[in-house]
């Protein structure tokens, strides 16, 4: 039986989303993994608005449930943070007890990514963002809820898939 992995990420919003999904699935196949892409299934004709959104939600949840694991693109999307839908999918997979691997090109800590200065109050000095909110300082490149729940690879999808395949014993470490 093949190892099935749900390919989470904001890639579904790319102008070339279908072609990109097929390329991700081809990368998966190269290492003996079946990639499940959120756009693999077409919504029924005539659905729109909230009905279409509900259909997409249910279809993606079913794909995650049917997968053995999740690989998530946690690169920044529409700002400095990962896509909120992808973050939900990571959390859902973790709640189901499925392993999650994630990839991002962001190697620097969150402090390096978003801190604009420091503030000091009764609790002591803290890093702050442009709005004055505390920036967590754990030396991680993602929010702790993502960084502590997933195996994070600094790199691209191909590098992440190779790491997964090595973990599964499908390829040998060079």
N, C-alpha and C. Protein backbone atom coordinates (compact mmCIF):
# COMPACT_ATOMS: atom_id res chain seq x y z
N UNK A 1 0.85 -1.19 0.00
CA UNK A 1 0.00 0.00 0.00
C UNK A 1 0.89 1.24 0.00
N UNK A 2 0.49 2.24 -0.73
CA UNK A 2 1.34 3.43 -0.82
C UNK A 2 1.09 4.37 0.36
N UNK A 3 2.09 5.16 0.64
CA UNK A 3 2.02 6.19 1.67
C UNK A 3 1.37 7.41 1.04
N UNK A 4 0.28 7.88 1.64
CA UNK A 4 -0.50 9.00 1.08
C UNK A 4 -0.28 10.25 1.92
N UNK A 5 0.04 11.33 1.24
CA UNK A 5 0.33 12.57 1.95
C UNK A 5 -0.51 13.71 1.36
N UNK A 6 -1.18 14.44 2.24
CA UNK A 6 -1.99 15.59 1.84
C UNK A 6 -1.07 16.78 1.65
N UNK A 7 -1.19 17.44 0.51
CA UNK A 7 -0.31 18.55 0.14
C UNK A 7 -0.99 19.88 0.49
N UNK A 8 -0.79 20.33 1.70
CA UNK A 8 -1.43 21.55 2.20
C UNK A 8 -0.63 22.78 1.80
N UNK A 9 -1.33 23.85 1.51
CA UNK A 9 -0.63 25.10 1.22
C UNK A 9 -1.46 26.06 0.41
N UNK A 10 -0.98 27.26 0.36
CA UNK A 10 -1.67 28.31 -0.39
C UNK A 10 -1.44 28.18 -1.89
N UNK A 11 -0.75 27.10 -2.29
CA UNK A 11 -0.48 26.85 -3.71
C UNK A 11 -1.77 26.78 -4.53
N UNK A 12 -2.88 26.45 -3.89
CA UNK A 12 -4.16 26.37 -4.60
C UNK A 12 -4.63 27.73 -5.11
N UNK A 13 -4.01 28.80 -4.65
CA UNK A 13 -4.37 30.15 -5.09
C UNK A 13 -3.46 30.66 -6.22
N UNK A 14 -2.45 29.88 -6.57
CA UNK A 14 -1.54 30.29 -7.65
C UNK A 14 -2.31 30.34 -8.97
N UNK A 15 -1.88 31.20 -9.91
CA UNK A 15 -2.52 31.22 -11.23
C UNK A 15 -2.40 29.88 -11.95
N UNK A 16 -1.32 29.15 -11.67
CA UNK A 16 -1.08 27.84 -12.28
C UNK A 16 -1.30 26.72 -11.26
N UNK A 17 -2.33 26.85 -10.44
CA UNK A 17 -2.54 25.94 -9.31
C UNK A 17 -2.62 24.47 -9.73
N UNK A 18 -3.33 24.17 -10.80
CA UNK A 18 -3.47 22.77 -11.22
C UNK A 18 -2.12 22.21 -11.68
N UNK A 19 -1.42 22.97 -12.50
CA UNK A 19 -0.10 22.51 -12.98
C UNK A 19 0.87 22.36 -11.81
N UNK A 20 0.83 23.28 -10.88
CA UNK A 20 1.70 23.20 -9.71
C UNK A 20 1.37 21.96 -8.88
N UNK A 21 0.10 21.69 -8.71
CA UNK A 21 -0.32 20.51 -7.97
C UNK A 21 0.17 19.23 -8.63
N UNK A 22 0.09 19.17 -9.95
CA UNK A 22 0.58 17.99 -10.68
C UNK A 22 2.11 17.86 -10.51
N UNK A 23 2.80 19.00 -10.50
CA UNK A 23 4.26 18.96 -10.30
C UNK A 23 4.59 18.45 -8.89
N UNK A 24 3.83 18.88 -7.89
CA UNK A 24 4.04 18.38 -6.53
C UNK A 24 3.77 16.87 -6.46
N UNK A 25 2.72 16.44 -7.13
CA UNK A 25 2.39 15.01 -7.14
C UNK A 25 3.48 14.21 -7.85
N UNK A 26 4.06 14.78 -8.89
CA UNK A 26 5.16 14.10 -9.59
C UNK A 26 6.39 13.97 -8.68
N UNK A 27 6.68 15.02 -7.90
CA UNK A 27 7.77 14.95 -6.93
C UNK A 27 7.50 13.86 -5.90
N UNK A 28 6.26 13.77 -5.46
CA UNK A 28 5.89 12.73 -4.50
C UNK A 28 6.13 11.35 -5.11
N UNK A 29 5.68 11.16 -6.34
CA UNK A 29 5.81 9.86 -7.00
C UNK A 29 7.28 9.45 -7.14
N UNK A 30 8.16 10.41 -7.34
CA UNK A 30 9.59 10.11 -7.48
C UNK A 30 10.17 9.45 -6.24
N UNK A 31 9.56 9.70 -5.08
CA UNK A 31 10.05 9.11 -3.83
C UNK A 31 9.07 8.07 -3.28
N UNK A 32 8.16 7.60 -4.13
CA UNK A 32 7.25 6.53 -3.74
C UNK A 32 6.13 6.93 -2.81
N UNK A 33 5.69 8.19 -2.91
CA UNK A 33 4.62 8.71 -2.08
C UNK A 33 3.49 9.15 -2.99
N UNK A 34 2.26 8.92 -2.56
CA UNK A 34 1.10 9.40 -3.31
C UNK A 34 0.69 10.76 -2.75
N UNK A 35 0.72 11.78 -3.59
CA UNK A 35 0.35 13.13 -3.17
C UNK A 35 -1.12 13.40 -3.39
N UNK A 36 -1.80 13.86 -2.36
CA UNK A 36 -3.22 14.22 -2.44
C UNK A 36 -3.31 15.74 -2.46
N UNK A 37 -3.71 16.28 -3.60
CA UNK A 37 -3.76 17.73 -3.77
C UNK A 37 -5.20 18.22 -3.57
N UNK A 38 -5.40 19.32 -2.86
CA UNK A 38 -6.76 19.79 -2.58
C UNK A 38 -7.62 20.02 -3.83
N UNK A 39 -7.02 20.26 -4.97
CA UNK A 39 -7.80 20.50 -6.18
C UNK A 39 -7.98 19.23 -7.02
N UNK A 40 -7.72 18.07 -6.42
CA UNK A 40 -7.88 16.81 -7.16
C UNK A 40 -9.33 16.55 -7.57
N UNK A 41 -10.26 17.07 -6.83
CA UNK A 41 -11.69 16.82 -7.11
C UNK A 41 -12.39 18.12 -7.49
N UNK A 42 -13.25 18.04 -8.48
CA UNK A 42 -14.02 19.20 -8.93
C UNK A 42 -15.31 19.31 -8.13
N UNK A 43 -15.65 20.52 -7.75
CA UNK A 43 -16.92 20.76 -7.06
C UNK A 43 -18.07 20.53 -8.05
N UNK A 44 -19.21 20.10 -7.54
CA UNK A 44 -20.37 19.93 -8.41
C UNK A 44 -20.75 21.26 -9.08
N UNK A 45 -21.20 21.17 -10.30
CA UNK A 45 -21.62 22.38 -11.04
C UNK A 45 -22.76 23.07 -10.29
N UNK A 46 -22.75 24.37 -10.36
CA UNK A 46 -23.83 25.16 -9.77
C UNK A 46 -23.61 25.59 -8.34
N UNK A 47 -22.58 25.08 -7.69
CA UNK A 47 -22.31 25.52 -6.32
C UNK A 47 -21.61 26.87 -6.35
N UNK A 48 -21.98 27.74 -5.43
CA UNK A 48 -21.35 29.06 -5.34
C UNK A 48 -21.43 29.54 -3.89
N UNK A 49 -20.67 30.57 -3.59
CA UNK A 49 -20.73 31.21 -2.28
C UNK A 49 -20.49 30.25 -1.13
N UNK A 50 -21.32 30.37 -0.10
CA UNK A 50 -21.16 29.57 1.11
C UNK A 50 -21.30 28.07 0.84
N UNK A 51 -22.15 27.69 -0.11
CA UNK A 51 -22.31 26.27 -0.43
C UNK A 51 -21.03 25.71 -1.03
N UNK A 52 -20.39 26.46 -1.91
CA UNK A 52 -19.13 26.04 -2.50
C UNK A 52 -18.04 25.97 -1.43
N UNK A 53 -18.00 26.96 -0.56
CA UNK A 53 -17.01 26.96 0.53
C UNK A 53 -17.17 25.73 1.41
N UNK A 54 -18.40 25.38 1.76
CA UNK A 54 -18.66 24.19 2.59
C UNK A 54 -18.22 22.92 1.87
N UNK A 55 -18.47 22.84 0.56
CA UNK A 55 -18.07 21.67 -0.21
C UNK A 55 -16.54 21.53 -0.19
N UNK A 56 -15.84 22.64 -0.42
CA UNK A 56 -14.37 22.63 -0.42
C UNK A 56 -13.85 22.21 0.96
N UNK A 57 -14.42 22.78 2.01
CA UNK A 57 -14.01 22.44 3.37
C UNK A 57 -14.16 20.94 3.62
N UNK A 58 -15.34 20.41 3.33
CA UNK A 58 -15.60 18.98 3.58
C UNK A 58 -14.68 18.09 2.73
N UNK A 59 -14.47 18.46 1.47
CA UNK A 59 -13.60 17.66 0.59
C UNK A 59 -12.17 17.65 1.11
N UNK A 60 -11.66 18.79 1.55
CA UNK A 60 -10.29 18.85 2.06
C UNK A 60 -10.14 18.10 3.38
N UNK A 61 -11.13 18.21 4.24
CA UNK A 61 -11.10 17.46 5.50
C UNK A 61 -11.09 15.96 5.22
N UNK A 62 -11.90 15.52 4.27
CA UNK A 62 -11.90 14.08 3.91
C UNK A 62 -10.54 13.65 3.37
N UNK A 63 -9.91 14.50 2.54
CA UNK A 63 -8.58 14.16 2.03
C UNK A 63 -7.56 14.04 3.16
N UNK A 64 -7.61 14.96 4.11
CA UNK A 64 -6.69 14.89 5.25
C UNK A 64 -6.95 13.61 6.04
N UNK A 65 -8.22 13.29 6.26
CA UNK A 65 -8.57 12.07 6.99
C UNK A 65 -8.05 10.82 6.28
N UNK A 66 -8.06 10.84 4.95
CA UNK A 66 -7.64 9.66 4.19
C UNK A 66 -6.12 9.56 4.04
N UNK A 67 -5.42 10.63 4.37
CA UNK A 67 -3.96 10.66 4.21
C UNK A 67 -3.27 10.01 5.41
N UNK A 68 -2.04 9.58 5.17
CA UNK A 68 -1.20 9.06 6.25
C UNK A 68 -0.46 10.18 6.96
N UNK A 69 -0.27 11.30 6.27
CA UNK A 69 0.49 12.43 6.81
C UNK A 69 0.14 13.68 6.00
N UNK A 70 0.68 14.80 6.43
CA UNK A 70 0.48 16.07 5.74
C UNK A 70 1.85 16.70 5.49
N UNK A 71 2.00 17.28 4.31
CA UNK A 71 3.15 18.13 4.01
C UNK A 71 2.59 19.52 3.73
N UNK A 72 3.05 20.51 4.49
CA UNK A 72 2.45 21.84 4.42
C UNK A 72 3.46 22.91 3.99
N UNK A 73 3.03 23.74 3.06
CA UNK A 73 3.79 24.90 2.64
C UNK A 73 3.49 26.02 3.65
N UNK A 74 4.45 26.29 4.52
CA UNK A 74 4.27 27.31 5.55
C UNK A 74 5.07 28.58 5.27
N UNK A 75 5.36 28.81 4.00
CA UNK A 75 5.97 30.08 3.62
C UNK A 75 4.97 31.21 3.89
N UNK A 76 5.46 32.43 4.08
CA UNK A 76 4.55 33.56 4.30
C UNK A 76 3.59 33.71 3.12
N UNK A 77 2.36 34.07 3.45
CA UNK A 77 1.32 34.28 2.44
C UNK A 77 0.51 35.50 2.81
N UNK A 78 0.44 36.44 1.92
CA UNK A 78 -0.32 37.68 2.13
C UNK A 78 0.10 38.38 3.42
N UNK A 79 1.39 38.40 3.67
CA UNK A 79 1.93 39.01 4.87
C UNK A 79 3.14 38.24 5.34
N UNK A 80 3.39 38.27 6.63
CA UNK A 80 4.58 37.63 7.18
C UNK A 80 4.31 36.25 7.78
N UNK A 81 3.06 35.84 7.83
CA UNK A 81 2.69 34.57 8.45
C UNK A 81 2.23 33.56 7.40
N UNK A 82 2.22 32.26 7.75
CA UNK A 82 1.68 31.26 6.84
C UNK A 82 0.18 31.47 6.62
N UNK A 83 -0.32 30.87 5.57
CA UNK A 83 -1.75 30.90 5.23
C UNK A 83 -2.58 30.32 6.38
N UNK A 84 -3.65 31.00 6.75
CA UNK A 84 -4.47 30.54 7.87
C UNK A 84 -5.17 29.22 7.56
N UNK A 85 -5.58 29.00 6.32
CA UNK A 85 -6.19 27.72 5.98
C UNK A 85 -5.21 26.57 6.12
N UNK A 86 -3.97 26.80 5.72
CA UNK A 86 -2.94 25.78 5.86
C UNK A 86 -2.65 25.52 7.33
N UNK A 87 -2.62 26.57 8.13
CA UNK A 87 -2.40 26.40 9.57
C UNK A 87 -3.52 25.55 10.18
N UNK A 88 -4.77 25.77 9.73
CA UNK A 88 -5.87 24.93 10.20
C UNK A 88 -5.63 23.47 9.81
N UNK A 89 -5.23 23.25 8.56
CA UNK A 89 -5.02 21.88 8.09
C UNK A 89 -3.92 21.19 8.90
N UNK A 90 -2.87 21.91 9.24
CA UNK A 90 -1.81 21.36 10.08
C UNK A 90 -2.39 20.97 11.44
N UNK A 91 -3.13 21.88 12.05
CA UNK A 91 -3.72 21.60 13.36
C UNK A 91 -4.69 20.43 13.32
N UNK A 92 -5.48 20.36 12.26
CA UNK A 92 -6.44 19.26 12.12
C UNK A 92 -5.71 17.93 12.01
N UNK A 93 -4.67 17.89 11.19
CA UNK A 93 -3.90 16.65 11.04
C UNK A 93 -3.26 16.24 12.37
N UNK A 94 -2.71 17.20 13.10
CA UNK A 94 -2.10 16.90 14.40
C UNK A 94 -3.17 16.35 15.35
N UNK A 95 -4.36 16.96 15.33
CA UNK A 95 -5.45 16.48 16.19
C UNK A 95 -5.85 15.05 15.84
N UNK A 96 -5.71 14.67 14.58
CA UNK A 96 -6.01 13.30 14.15
C UNK A 96 -4.86 12.33 14.43
N UNK A 97 -3.74 12.86 14.93
CA UNK A 97 -2.59 12.02 15.23
C UNK A 97 -1.72 11.72 14.01
N UNK A 98 -1.86 12.52 12.97
CA UNK A 98 -1.08 12.30 11.75
C UNK A 98 0.21 13.13 11.81
N UNK A 99 1.32 12.57 11.33
CA UNK A 99 2.55 13.37 11.31
C UNK A 99 2.45 14.47 10.26
N UNK A 100 3.09 15.59 10.58
CA UNK A 100 3.11 16.74 9.67
C UNK A 100 4.55 17.15 9.44
N UNK A 101 4.89 17.31 8.17
CA UNK A 101 6.15 17.91 7.77
C UNK A 101 5.79 19.22 7.11
N UNK A 102 6.59 20.22 7.34
CA UNK A 102 6.32 21.54 6.77
C UNK A 102 7.59 22.08 6.16
N UNK A 103 7.43 22.94 5.17
CA UNK A 103 8.59 23.58 4.58
C UNK A 103 8.36 25.07 4.46
N UNK A 104 9.46 25.80 4.60
CA UNK A 104 9.45 27.25 4.46
C UNK A 104 10.85 27.70 4.05
N UNK A 105 10.91 28.79 3.34
CA UNK A 105 12.19 29.38 2.97
C UNK A 105 12.69 30.30 4.09
N UNK A 106 11.86 30.55 5.11
CA UNK A 106 12.21 31.45 6.20
C UNK A 106 13.10 30.73 7.21
N UNK A 107 14.39 31.02 7.16
CA UNK A 107 15.32 30.38 8.08
C UNK A 107 15.48 31.16 9.38
N UNK A 108 15.32 32.46 9.32
CA UNK A 108 15.54 33.30 10.49
C UNK A 108 14.42 33.16 11.51
N UNK A 109 14.73 33.53 12.74
CA UNK A 109 13.74 33.46 13.81
C UNK A 109 12.62 34.46 13.54
N UNK A 110 11.51 34.28 14.24
CA UNK A 110 10.39 35.21 14.11
C UNK A 110 10.84 36.61 14.51
N UNK A 111 11.69 36.72 15.51
CA UNK A 111 12.21 38.02 15.91
C UNK A 111 12.92 38.68 14.73
N UNK A 112 13.77 37.90 14.04
CA UNK A 112 14.48 38.44 12.87
C UNK A 112 13.52 38.81 11.74
N UNK A 113 12.42 38.10 11.64
CA UNK A 113 11.47 38.33 10.56
C UNK A 113 10.57 39.54 10.78
N UNK A 114 10.10 39.76 12.03
CA UNK A 114 9.06 40.78 12.22
C UNK A 114 9.32 41.82 13.29
N UNK A 115 10.32 41.63 14.14
CA UNK A 115 10.54 42.59 15.21
C UNK A 115 11.05 43.91 14.64
N UNK A 116 10.49 45.00 15.17
CA UNK A 116 10.94 46.34 14.75
C UNK A 116 11.57 47.10 15.91
N UNK A 117 11.57 46.48 17.09
CA UNK A 117 12.15 47.17 18.24
C UNK A 117 11.86 46.43 19.52
N UNK A 118 12.10 47.12 20.63
CA UNK A 118 11.85 46.53 21.94
C UNK A 118 11.00 47.47 22.76
N UNK A 119 10.26 46.87 23.67
CA UNK A 119 9.49 47.61 24.67
C UNK A 119 9.88 47.04 26.02
N UNK A 120 9.61 47.79 27.04
CA UNK A 120 9.94 47.32 28.38
C UNK A 120 8.77 47.67 29.28
N UNK A 121 8.36 46.68 30.06
CA UNK A 121 7.29 46.91 31.04
C UNK A 121 7.63 46.12 32.30
N UNK A 122 6.67 45.90 33.17
CA UNK A 122 6.92 45.21 34.44
C UNK A 122 7.50 43.82 34.24
N UNK A 123 7.17 43.17 33.12
CA UNK A 123 7.68 41.82 32.85
C UNK A 123 9.10 41.85 32.30
N UNK A 124 9.58 43.03 31.96
CA UNK A 124 10.93 43.15 31.41
C UNK A 124 10.91 43.51 29.93
N UNK A 125 12.07 43.48 29.29
CA UNK A 125 12.13 43.85 27.88
C UNK A 125 11.54 42.75 26.99
N UNK A 126 10.97 43.19 25.90
CA UNK A 126 10.39 42.25 24.94
C UNK A 126 10.49 42.83 23.54
N UNK A 127 10.59 41.95 22.56
CA UNK A 127 10.58 42.35 21.16
C UNK A 127 9.15 42.68 20.77
N UNK A 128 8.98 43.70 19.91
CA UNK A 128 7.65 44.07 19.46
C UNK A 128 7.63 44.22 17.95
N UNK A 129 6.43 44.05 17.38
CA UNK A 129 6.25 44.26 15.95
C UNK A 129 5.81 45.69 15.69
N UNK A 130 5.48 46.01 14.46
CA UNK A 130 5.13 47.39 14.08
C UNK A 130 3.89 47.90 14.81
N UNK A 131 3.05 47.00 15.34
CA UNK A 131 1.85 47.41 16.06
C UNK A 131 2.05 47.40 17.58
N UNK A 132 3.25 47.10 18.04
CA UNK A 132 3.53 47.07 19.46
C UNK A 132 3.23 45.75 20.14
N UNK A 133 2.84 44.73 19.37
CA UNK A 133 2.56 43.41 19.94
C UNK A 133 3.86 42.66 20.18
N UNK A 134 3.87 41.86 21.24
CA UNK A 134 5.04 41.06 21.58
C UNK A 134 5.33 40.06 20.47
N UNK A 135 6.60 39.92 20.12
CA UNK A 135 7.05 38.93 19.16
C UNK A 135 7.70 37.81 19.97
N UNK A 136 7.15 36.60 19.86
CA UNK A 136 7.70 35.49 20.63
C UNK A 136 9.15 35.26 20.27
N UNK A 137 9.93 34.96 21.31
CA UNK A 137 11.38 34.83 21.11
C UNK A 137 11.86 33.47 21.60
N UNK A 138 11.54 32.43 20.80
CA UNK A 138 11.99 31.09 21.12
C UNK A 138 13.06 30.61 20.15
N UNK A 139 13.52 31.51 19.27
CA UNK A 139 14.54 31.16 18.30
C UNK A 139 14.01 30.33 17.15
N UNK A 140 12.69 30.24 17.01
CA UNK A 140 12.09 29.42 15.96
C UNK A 140 11.71 30.29 14.77
N UNK A 141 11.62 29.67 13.60
CA UNK A 141 11.27 30.41 12.39
C UNK A 141 9.77 30.48 12.14
N UNK A 142 8.99 29.78 12.95
CA UNK A 142 7.52 29.81 12.86
C UNK A 142 6.95 29.94 14.27
N UNK A 143 5.69 30.32 14.35
CA UNK A 143 4.99 30.34 15.63
C UNK A 143 5.16 28.99 16.31
N UNK A 144 5.32 28.99 17.62
CA UNK A 144 5.60 27.76 18.35
C UNK A 144 4.55 26.67 18.13
N UNK A 145 3.31 27.04 17.91
CA UNK A 145 2.27 26.04 17.71
C UNK A 145 2.47 25.26 16.41
N UNK A 146 3.10 25.88 15.44
CA UNK A 146 3.45 25.18 14.20
C UNK A 146 4.81 24.51 14.33
N UNK A 147 5.77 25.24 14.84
CA UNK A 147 7.15 24.72 14.93
C UNK A 147 7.26 23.52 15.86
N UNK A 148 6.46 23.48 16.90
CA UNK A 148 6.54 22.37 17.86
C UNK A 148 5.68 21.17 17.46
N UNK A 149 4.76 21.35 16.52
CA UNK A 149 3.87 20.25 16.14
C UNK A 149 4.29 19.56 14.86
N UNK A 150 5.13 20.20 14.07
CA UNK A 150 5.53 19.66 12.77
C UNK A 150 7.04 19.52 12.70
N UNK A 151 7.48 18.68 11.78
CA UNK A 151 8.89 18.63 11.44
C UNK A 151 9.10 19.69 10.38
N UNK A 152 9.83 20.74 10.70
CA UNK A 152 9.99 21.88 9.80
C UNK A 152 11.30 21.76 9.03
N UNK A 153 11.19 21.87 7.72
CA UNK A 153 12.34 21.83 6.82
C UNK A 153 12.51 23.23 6.22
N UNK A 154 13.69 23.79 6.36
CA UNK A 154 13.98 25.05 5.68
C UNK A 154 14.40 24.69 4.27
N UNK A 155 13.54 25.02 3.32
CA UNK A 155 13.77 24.66 1.93
C UNK A 155 12.47 24.64 1.17
N UNK A 156 12.46 23.88 0.07
CA UNK A 156 11.27 23.82 -0.77
C UNK A 156 10.58 22.47 -0.65
N UNK A 157 9.54 22.28 -1.44
CA UNK A 157 8.76 21.04 -1.37
C UNK A 157 9.61 19.82 -1.67
N UNK A 158 10.50 19.92 -2.65
CA UNK A 158 11.35 18.79 -3.00
C UNK A 158 12.25 18.37 -1.85
N UNK A 159 12.83 19.35 -1.16
CA UNK A 159 13.69 19.04 -0.02
C UNK A 159 12.88 18.41 1.11
N UNK A 160 11.68 18.91 1.31
CA UNK A 160 10.82 18.36 2.36
C UNK A 160 10.44 16.91 2.02
N UNK A 161 10.09 16.65 0.77
CA UNK A 161 9.72 15.29 0.36
C UNK A 161 10.89 14.33 0.52
N UNK A 162 12.08 14.78 0.20
CA UNK A 162 13.25 13.90 0.40
C UNK A 162 13.45 13.59 1.88
N UNK A 163 13.20 14.55 2.72
CA UNK A 163 13.32 14.32 4.17
C UNK A 163 12.27 13.31 4.63
N UNK A 164 11.05 13.44 4.10
CA UNK A 164 9.99 12.50 4.44
C UNK A 164 10.37 11.10 3.96
N UNK A 165 10.83 11.01 2.71
CA UNK A 165 11.20 9.71 2.13
C UNK A 165 12.34 9.06 2.90
N UNK A 166 13.32 9.84 3.34
CA UNK A 166 14.40 9.30 4.18
C UNK A 166 13.84 8.77 5.49
N UNK A 167 12.93 9.53 6.09
CA UNK A 167 12.29 9.11 7.35
C UNK A 167 11.55 7.78 7.15
N UNK A 168 10.90 7.62 6.02
CA UNK A 168 10.15 6.40 5.74
C UNK A 168 11.04 5.26 5.27
N UNK A 169 12.33 5.56 5.06
CA UNK A 169 13.25 4.53 4.59
C UNK A 169 13.12 4.24 3.11
N UNK A 170 12.54 5.18 2.35
CA UNK A 170 12.36 4.97 0.92
C UNK A 170 13.57 5.40 0.10
N UNK A 171 14.38 6.29 0.66
CA UNK A 171 15.65 6.65 0.02
C UNK A 171 16.72 6.70 1.09
N UNK A 172 17.93 6.47 0.68
CA UNK A 172 19.06 6.47 1.61
C UNK A 172 19.65 7.88 1.70
N UNK A 173 20.14 8.23 2.87
CA UNK A 173 20.81 9.51 3.05
C UNK A 173 22.13 9.48 2.30
N UNK A 174 22.37 10.52 1.45
CA UNK A 174 23.63 10.52 0.69
C UNK A 174 24.84 10.66 1.59
